[in-house]
Amino acid sequence: MKRFWKAVKIPMFAILCSLVVGGVIIAVTGSNPFKAYYSLLQGCGLAPKSSYAGYKNIFTDFMSYVNFFTPMIFAALAVAVALRGGLFNIGVSGQMLAAGFTATIIIGYSDLNGILAKPLVVIIGMTAGGLVGALMGWLKYKFNINEVVTSIMLNYIIQYVVSFFINTYYVDPVSRQSAETSAASRLTLMDTQIGGLKIDIPLGIILALITVVVVWFLLEKTKFGYELKAVGYSRDAAKYAGIKVGRNTVLAMTLSGVLGGMAGVTYYLGYLGSIQPKVLVSTGFDAIAVSLLGNNNPFGILLSTMLITLISKGSTYMKSIASVDAEIASVITGIILLFSACNMYIKWKMEQKNRDKITGTKEPEAVQRPSKTEKENKTK
């Protein structure tokens, strides 16, 4: 329990500070912050609404919320794996798009039944995302090209190549997006009628929870995880210890890409069902905030995913009920990221406060300089 509290106290402090600052901003705009925050819960099915549409209730809202945050779990895990190896994968959105598009044109537009289509969607998505990640890792290893530059450039390349093919071959003339994928290939069972309710059932959440456990075990309990952590702390020290830095760099980015690919298929062939040309979804970028808030721990990421997506998902309902602009939700998310980025400073201040309690002093003892009289006595 002590170890658990040590791991979560700083993220909890960051969240608390962010909510307080966000509440002040909401109050300054003339709205009630308590009503605004409660409406966020209502919009995600975590609190009851005053009324519901036909075939809907609090449970259907909650399942829609689960469907919304499922891709974020994979995306944040992708960021965390790369960060564990000392790499910054800012190309998760590109990996998502590559995986989603590849799986869509191969399986999403086919006549395969659901038993074959759904597993193939996942496999193809993992492969496509993994190849993009492996390319980034290989360029880092072979030519020492910064992965941030590589990932940004690949984001643009994937974005415009995919847009070209959608607009040329797969566009829906009405929605101006890609044609919708078949129901058999969707990883979300949309509007499934159960007991008088129409529920969105995200099959990907089961895979996401399993992946959280697998990634945790891989990073914390295996030789690969230990070597990856060593490389992340110091590449030179790891190389001196006999660890193959290049291999671990490529493997880390490949695994990160695989997770990004899983995020892509659960988003484009799960939550959304189509692809909008010339658009990179913000999920891959928001995942950076989620991973930092979760201390790059898979279980922490699961909780931080629920918080960040709660703010994003509930912002629409917050605007209609509490008259708070949806952009305020993005401001709150940004504040959370800001406080999360300061976690080392917060940790240092907390440790300093604990030391002061133990020693009974408020500040470290200053080094006493000898007085003029003492100098004269030493001279004599």
Protein backbone atom coordinates (compact mmCIF):
# COMPACT_ATOMS: atom_id res chain seq x y z
CA MET A 1 0.00 0.00 0.00
CA LYS A 2 2.86 2.39 0.81
CA ARG A 3 4.42 1.71 -2.60
CA PHE A 4 1.07 2.27 -4.30
CA TRP A 5 0.54 5.57 -2.50
CA LYS A 6 4.05 6.70 -3.42
CA ALA A 7 3.26 6.03 -7.09
CA VAL A 8 -0.11 7.79 -7.22
CA LYS A 9 0.25 10.74 -4.85
CA ILE A 10 2.02 13.01 -7.35
CA PRO A 11 -0.47 12.37 -10.21
CA MET A 12 -3.34 12.88 -7.76
CA PHE A 13 -1.79 16.14 -6.60
CA ALA A 14 -1.40 17.24 -10.24
CA ILE A 15 -5.05 16.39 -10.96
CA LEU A 16 -6.27 18.22 -7.85
CA CYS A 17 -4.29 21.36 -8.74
CA SER A 18 -5.55 21.19 -12.32
CA LEU A 19 -9.18 20.89 -11.26
CA VAL A 20 -8.80 23.82 -8.87
CA VAL A 21 -7.24 26.02 -11.55
CA GLY A 22 -9.86 24.86 -14.07
CA GLY A 23 -12.61 25.67 -11.58
CA VAL A 24 -11.24 29.18 -11.16
CA ILE A 25 -11.22 29.65 -14.95
CA ILE A 26 -14.82 28.40 -15.22
CA ALA A 27 -15.88 30.73 -12.39
CA VAL A 28 -14.21 33.70 -14.08
CA THR A 29 -16.24 33.00 -17.24
CA GLY A 30 -19.39 33.35 -15.15
CA SER A 31 -20.37 29.66 -14.78
CA ASN A 32 -20.69 27.37 -11.78
CA PRO A 33 -17.59 25.11 -11.65
CA PHE A 34 -19.35 22.45 -9.55
CA LYS A 35 -22.21 22.23 -12.02
CA ALA A 36 -19.71 22.12 -14.89
CA TYR A 37 -17.73 19.25 -13.40
CA TYR A 38 -20.89 17.34 -12.55
CA SER A 39 -22.09 17.73 -16.13
CA LEU A 40 -18.82 16.12 -17.29
CA LEU A 41 -19.76 13.06 -15.26
CA GLN A 42 -23.28 13.10 -16.69
CA GLY A 43 -21.97 13.26 -20.24
CA CYS A 44 -19.93 10.08 -19.69
CA GLY A 45 -22.58 8.01 -17.94
CA LEU A 46 -20.96 8.33 -14.51
CA ALA A 47 -23.87 10.37 -13.14
CA PRO A 48 -27.58 10.30 -14.08
CA LYS A 49 -29.11 12.87 -16.43
CA SER A 50 -32.49 14.44 -15.91
CA SER A 51 -33.84 12.77 -19.08
CA TYR A 52 -32.74 10.37 -21.81
CA ALA A 53 -33.59 9.76 -25.45
CA GLY A 54 -35.37 6.61 -26.55
CA TYR A 55 -33.48 3.33 -26.01
CA LYS A 56 -30.89 5.19 -23.90
CA ASN A 57 -30.05 5.41 -20.21
CA ILE A 58 -27.01 5.95 -17.98
CA PHE A 59 -25.58 2.54 -18.93
CA THR A 60 -25.66 3.25 -22.67
CA ASP A 61 -23.88 6.56 -22.03
CA PHE A 62 -21.23 4.74 -20.01
CA MET A 63 -20.66 2.14 -22.72
CA SER A 64 -20.29 4.93 -25.28
CA TYR A 65 -17.68 6.47 -22.97
CA VAL A 66 -15.83 3.13 -22.75
CA ASN A 67 -15.91 2.86 -26.54
CA PHE A 68 -14.43 6.37 -26.74
CA PHE A 69 -11.48 5.80 -24.38
CA THR A 70 -10.49 2.31 -25.60
CA PRO A 71 -8.17 3.59 -28.39
CA MET A 72 -6.57 6.02 -25.92
CA ILE A 73 -5.38 3.15 -23.71
CA PHE A 74 -3.41 1.65 -26.59
CA ALA A 75 -2.09 5.04 -27.72
CA ALA A 76 -0.88 5.97 -24.22
CA LEU A 77 0.78 2.57 -23.81
CA ALA A 78 2.58 3.21 -27.11
CA VAL A 79 3.95 6.49 -25.76
CA ALA A 80 4.93 4.87 -22.45
CA VAL A 81 6.89 2.03 -24.04
CA ALA A 82 8.88 4.49 -26.15
CA LEU A 83 9.53 6.76 -23.16
CA ARG A 84 10.75 3.78 -21.14
CA GLY A 85 13.47 3.34 -23.76
CA GLY A 86 14.38 7.04 -23.73
CA LEU A 87 12.49 7.69 -26.98
CA PHE A 88 9.69 10.16 -27.70
CA ASN A 89 7.11 8.71 -30.06
CA ILE A 90 5.11 11.69 -31.29
CA GLY A 91 4.00 9.72 -34.34
CA VAL A 92 1.26 7.62 -32.70
CA SER A 93 -1.44 9.42 -34.69
CA GLY A 94 0.35 8.54 -37.93
CA GLN A 95 0.71 4.92 -36.85
CA MET A 96 -2.99 4.86 -36.01
CA LEU A 97 -3.88 6.20 -39.44
CA ALA A 98 -1.58 3.76 -41.26
CA ALA A 99 -3.01 0.82 -39.35
CA GLY A 100 -6.62 1.94 -39.69
CA PHE A 101 -6.36 2.59 -43.42
CA THR A 102 -4.54 -0.66 -44.18
CA ALA A 103 -7.03 -2.74 -42.19
CA THR A 104 -9.94 -0.86 -43.77
CA ILE A 105 -9.04 -1.47 -47.40
CA ILE A 106 -7.95 -5.10 -46.85
CA ILE A 107 -10.65 -6.31 -44.43
CA GLY A 108 -13.10 -3.46 -43.87
CA TYR A 109 -14.35 -3.54 -47.47
CA SER A 110 -14.29 -7.33 -47.82
CA ASP A 111 -17.12 -9.83 -47.50
CA LEU A 112 -15.49 -11.83 -44.69
CA ASN A 113 -17.67 -12.84 -41.76
CA GLY A 114 -17.05 -11.42 -38.30
CA ILE A 115 -15.28 -14.51 -36.94
CA LEU A 116 -12.50 -14.11 -39.51
CA ALA A 117 -12.65 -10.36 -40.09
CA LYS A 118 -12.23 -9.09 -36.54
CA PRO A 119 -9.04 -11.02 -35.67
CA LEU A 120 -7.55 -10.15 -39.08
CA VAL A 121 -8.28 -6.46 -38.50
CA VAL A 122 -6.28 -6.58 -35.26
CA ILE A 123 -3.39 -8.53 -36.81
CA ILE A 124 -3.13 -6.25 -39.84
CA GLY A 125 -3.34 -3.14 -37.68
CA MET A 126 -0.58 -4.38 -35.38
CA THR A 127 1.60 -5.23 -38.37
CA ALA A 128 1.11 -1.88 -40.12
CA GLY A 129 1.72 0.14 -36.96
CA GLY A 130 4.71 -2.01 -36.03
CA LEU A 131 6.33 -1.46 -39.44
CA VAL A 132 6.02 2.32 -39.11
CA GLY A 133 7.50 2.17 -35.59
CA ALA A 134 10.29 -0.15 -36.73
CA LEU A 135 11.22 2.30 -39.49
CA MET A 136 11.51 5.09 -36.94
CA GLY A 137 13.64 2.94 -34.65
CA TRP A 138 15.87 1.77 -37.48
CA LEU A 139 16.51 5.34 -38.66
CA LYS A 140 17.40 6.26 -35.08
CA TYR A 141 19.78 3.31 -34.76
CA LYS A 142 21.35 3.43 -38.23
CA PHE A 143 21.65 7.17 -38.88
CA ASN A 144 21.00 8.64 -35.41
CA ILE A 145 18.06 10.63 -36.79
CA ASN A 146 16.05 12.11 -33.94
CA GLU A 147 12.82 10.13 -33.56
CA VAL A 148 10.80 13.31 -33.01
CA VAL A 149 11.78 14.61 -36.46
CA THR A 150 11.18 11.20 -38.04
CA SER A 151 7.77 10.77 -36.44
CA ILE A 152 6.60 14.26 -37.43
CA MET A 153 7.68 13.74 -41.04
CA LEU A 154 6.07 10.29 -41.18
CA ASN A 155 2.87 11.78 -39.76
CA TYR A 156 2.66 14.16 -42.70
CA ILE A 157 3.63 11.52 -45.26
CA ILE A 158 1.04 9.03 -44.01
CA GLN A 159 -1.61 11.71 -43.67
CA TYR A 160 -1.38 12.93 -47.25
CA VAL A 161 -0.77 9.54 -48.88
CA VAL A 162 -3.85 8.12 -47.16
CA SER A 163 -5.86 11.22 -48.06
CA PHE A 164 -4.92 10.82 -51.71
CA PHE A 165 -6.14 7.22 -51.84
CA ILE A 166 -9.34 7.98 -49.94
CA ASN A 167 -10.25 10.93 -52.16
CA THR A 168 -9.35 8.99 -55.28
CA TYR A 169 -10.77 5.52 -54.64
CA TYR A 170 -12.67 5.18 -51.34
CA VAL A 171 -14.48 8.46 -50.69
CA ASP A 172 -18.15 8.58 -49.72
CA PRO A 173 -19.70 11.33 -51.89
CA VAL A 174 -22.12 12.33 -49.13
CA SER A 175 -19.92 12.45 -46.01
CA ARG A 176 -16.68 13.22 -47.92
CA GLN A 177 -15.00 10.64 -45.69
CA SER A 178 -13.99 7.11 -46.53
CA ALA A 179 -16.84 4.70 -47.10
CA GLU A 180 -17.96 3.01 -43.89
CA THR A 181 -16.46 -0.37 -43.07
CA SER A 182 -18.57 -3.49 -42.92
CA ALA A 183 -20.33 -4.37 -39.67
CA ALA A 184 -18.50 -7.71 -39.62
CA SER A 185 -15.12 -5.99 -39.49
CA ARG A 186 -16.07 -3.41 -36.83
CA LEU A 187 -14.48 -3.92 -33.41
CA THR A 188 -17.50 -2.21 -31.83
CA LEU A 189 -20.97 -3.74 -32.00
CA MET A 190 -22.94 -0.57 -32.76
CA ASP A 191 -26.52 -0.04 -31.50
CA THR A 192 -26.87 -3.59 -30.23
CA GLN A 193 -30.39 -4.00 -28.87
CA ILE A 194 -30.42 -5.57 -25.42
CA GLY A 195 -33.41 -5.35 -23.08
CA GLY A 196 -34.99 -2.37 -24.79
CA LEU A 197 -31.70 -0.48 -25.00
CA LYS A 198 -29.40 0.22 -27.95
CA ILE A 199 -25.84 -0.21 -26.69
CA ASP A 200 -22.44 0.28 -28.30
CA ILE A 201 -20.35 -2.71 -27.17
CA PRO A 202 -16.60 -2.12 -27.64
CA LEU A 203 -14.92 -5.48 -28.06
CA GLY A 204 -11.54 -3.73 -27.98
CA ILE A 205 -11.81 -2.94 -24.27
CA ILE A 206 -11.22 -6.61 -23.44
CA LEU A 207 -8.09 -6.60 -25.57
CA ALA A 208 -7.03 -3.29 -24.02
CA LEU A 209 -7.24 -4.58 -20.44
CA ILE A 210 -5.27 -7.70 -21.38
CA THR A 211 -2.67 -5.51 -23.10
CA VAL A 212 -2.27 -3.37 -19.98
CA VAL A 213 -1.32 -6.45 -17.96
CA VAL A 214 0.95 -7.84 -20.70
CA VAL A 215 2.82 -4.55 -21.15
CA TRP A 216 3.24 -4.17 -17.38
CA PHE A 217 4.67 -7.68 -17.13
CA LEU A 218 6.92 -7.10 -20.13
CA LEU A 219 8.34 -3.85 -18.76
CA GLU A 220 8.63 -4.81 -15.09
CA LYS A 221 9.30 -8.56 -15.00
CA THR A 222 11.38 -9.44 -18.06
CA LYS A 223 14.94 -9.02 -19.24
CA PHE A 224 13.74 -6.91 -22.15
CA GLY A 225 12.03 -4.49 -19.77
CA TYR A 226 15.16 -4.20 -17.63
CA GLU A 227 17.37 -3.56 -20.65
CA LEU A 228 14.90 -1.05 -22.03
CA LYS A 229 14.89 0.84 -18.75
CA ALA A 230 18.70 0.83 -18.68
CA VAL A 231 18.86 2.20 -22.22
CA GLY A 232 16.33 4.87 -21.27
CA TYR A 233 18.38 6.01 -18.27
CA SER A 234 21.72 6.14 -20.10
CA ARG A 235 22.53 4.78 -23.52
CA ASP A 236 26.28 4.99 -22.90
CA ALA A 237 26.08 3.18 -19.56
CA ALA A 238 23.84 0.50 -21.05
CA LYS A 239 26.28 0.00 -23.93
CA TYR A 240 29.16 -0.27 -21.46
CA ALA A 241 27.21 -2.93 -19.55
CA GLY A 242 26.93 -5.05 -22.71
CA ILE A 243 23.33 -4.22 -23.60
CA LYS A 244 22.64 -3.98 -27.32
CA VAL A 245 21.37 -0.42 -27.48
CA GLY A 246 20.54 -0.45 -31.19
CA ARG A 247 18.49 -3.63 -30.99
CA ASN A 248 16.54 -2.35 -27.99
CA THR A 249 15.91 0.97 -29.71
CA VAL A 250 14.39 -0.75 -32.74
CA LEU A 251 12.41 -3.18 -30.58
CA ALA A 252 11.05 -0.39 -28.38
CA MET A 253 9.82 1.64 -31.35
CA THR A 254 8.43 -1.49 -33.02
CA LEU A 255 6.44 -2.41 -29.91
CA SER A 256 5.32 1.19 -29.59
CA GLY A 257 4.16 1.10 -33.21
CA VAL A 258 2.29 -2.17 -32.64
CA LEU A 259 0.38 -0.55 -29.78
CA GLY A 260 -0.24 2.52 -31.94
CA GLY A 261 -1.63 0.23 -34.63
CA MET A 262 -4.00 -1.35 -32.13
CA ALA A 263 -5.15 2.15 -31.18
CA GLY A 264 -5.76 2.82 -34.88
CA VAL A 265 -7.98 -0.18 -35.56
CA THR A 266 -10.01 0.30 -32.36
CA TYR A 267 -10.56 3.92 -33.40
CA TYR A 268 -11.13 3.76 -37.16
CA LEU A 269 -12.73 0.30 -37.26
CA GLY A 270 -14.26 0.50 -33.81
CA TYR A 271 -15.32 3.85 -32.47
CA LEU A 272 -15.57 5.77 -35.76
CA GLY A 273 -16.05 3.34 -38.65
CA SER A 274 -14.54 5.60 -41.32
CA ILE A 275 -11.53 7.86 -41.99
CA GLN A 276 -11.61 11.61 -42.55
CA PRO A 277 -9.06 12.69 -45.20
CA LYS A 278 -6.27 15.13 -44.30
CA VAL A 279 -6.93 14.76 -40.57
CA LEU A 280 -4.71 13.27 -37.88
CA VAL A 281 -6.78 12.46 -34.81
CA SER A 282 -5.72 14.15 -31.58
CA THR A 283 -5.72 10.82 -29.74
CA GLY A 284 -2.05 10.20 -30.51
CA PHE A 285 -1.07 13.61 -29.14
CA ASP A 286 -3.38 13.52 -26.11
CA ALA A 287 -1.80 10.15 -25.30
CA ILE A 288 1.38 11.99 -24.31
CA ALA A 289 -0.52 13.78 -21.53
CA VAL A 290 -2.20 10.53 -20.49
CA SER A 291 1.11 8.66 -20.30
CA LEU A 292 2.82 11.41 -18.30
CA LEU A 293 -0.10 11.65 -15.91
CA GLY A 294 0.01 7.89 -15.39
CA ASN A 295 3.78 8.01 -14.63
CA ASN A 296 4.32 5.77 -17.69
CA ASN A 297 2.92 2.88 -15.65
CA PRO A 298 0.38 0.73 -17.56
CA PHE A 299 -2.06 0.62 -14.62
CA GLY A 300 -1.62 4.33 -13.99
CA ILE A 301 -2.28 4.92 -17.68
CA LEU A 302 -5.58 3.04 -17.43
CA LEU A 303 -6.78 5.45 -14.73
CA SER A 304 -5.41 8.58 -16.38
CA THR A 305 -7.06 7.55 -19.66
CA MET A 306 -10.42 7.49 -17.95
CA LEU A 307 -9.84 10.99 -16.55
CA ILE A 308 -8.55 12.70 -19.70
CA THR A 309 -11.21 11.16 -21.94
CA LEU A 310 -13.89 11.96 -19.35
CA ILE A 311 -13.03 15.64 -19.76
CA SER A 312 -12.98 15.39 -23.54
CA LYS A 313 -16.10 13.21 -23.91
CA GLY A 314 -18.19 15.13 -21.40
CA SER A 315 -17.30 18.59 -22.73
CA THR A 316 -20.22 18.61 -25.22
CA TYR A 317 -22.78 17.92 -22.51
CA MET A 318 -21.04 20.42 -20.22
CA LYS A 319 -21.53 23.11 -22.87
CA SER A 320 -25.25 22.40 -23.25
CA ILE A 321 -26.04 22.11 -19.53
CA ALA A 322 -23.58 24.39 -17.73
CA SER A 323 -23.06 26.89 -20.58
CA VAL A 324 -19.31 26.35 -20.46
CA ASP A 325 -17.47 26.42 -23.78
CA ALA A 326 -16.12 23.02 -24.82
CA GLU A 327 -12.71 24.64 -25.31
CA ILE A 328 -12.46 24.97 -21.53
CA ALA A 329 -12.14 21.19 -21.39
CA SER A 330 -9.04 21.42 -23.60
CA VAL A 331 -7.67 24.11 -21.29
CA ILE A 332 -8.14 21.83 -18.27
CA THR A 333 -6.42 18.98 -20.13
CA GLY A 334 -3.53 21.30 -20.95
CA ILE A 335 -3.23 22.35 -17.29
CA ILE A 336 -3.13 18.70 -16.26
CA LEU A 337 -0.31 18.13 -18.75
CA LEU A 338 1.53 21.17 -17.38
CA PHE A 339 1.35 19.95 -13.80
CA SER A 340 2.26 16.41 -14.89
CA ALA A 341 5.35 17.73 -16.64
CA CYS A 342 6.35 19.32 -13.32
CA ASN A 343 6.12 16.01 -11.46
CA MET A 344 9.84 15.88 -10.72
CA TYR A 345 9.70 19.31 -9.09
CA ILE A 346 6.58 18.35 -7.12
CA LYS A 347 8.29 15.13 -6.01
CA TRP A 348 11.38 17.07 -4.89
CA LYS A 349 9.26 19.56 -2.89
CA MET A 350 7.35 16.73 -1.19
CA GLU A 351 10.56 14.93 -0.26
CA GLN A 352 12.05 18.19 1.04
CA LYS A 353 8.96 18.76 3.18
CA ASN A 354 9.24 15.23 4.62
CA ARG A 355 12.92 15.81 5.44
CA ASP A 356 12.04 19.07 7.19
CA LYS A 357 9.49 17.25 9.35
CA ILE A 358 12.05 14.62 10.35
CA THR A 359 14.89 17.04 11.06
CA GLY A 360 12.68 19.78 12.50
CA THR A 361 14.18 22.44 10.21
CA LYS A 362 12.54 24.45 7.48
CA GLU A 363 15.60 24.90 5.33
CA PRO A 364 18.87 23.04 4.85
CA GLU A 365 21.54 24.33 7.23
CA ALA A 366 23.69 26.97 5.62
CA VAL A 367 27.43 26.59 5.57
CA GLN A 368 28.78 28.81 8.40
CA ARG A 369 31.66 31.05 7.39
CA PRO A 370 34.30 31.77 10.03
CA SER A 371 33.99 35.18 11.64
CA LYS A 372 36.71 37.83 11.56
CA THR A 373 37.70 37.05 15.19
CA GLU A 374 38.08 33.34 14.42
CA LYS A 375 40.30 34.15 11.43
CA GLU A 376 42.56 36.33 13.64
CA ASN A 377 42.82 33.59 16.30
CA LYS A 378 43.77 31.00 13.65
CA THR A 379 46.46 33.41 12.31
CA LYS A 380 47.89 33.87 15.79
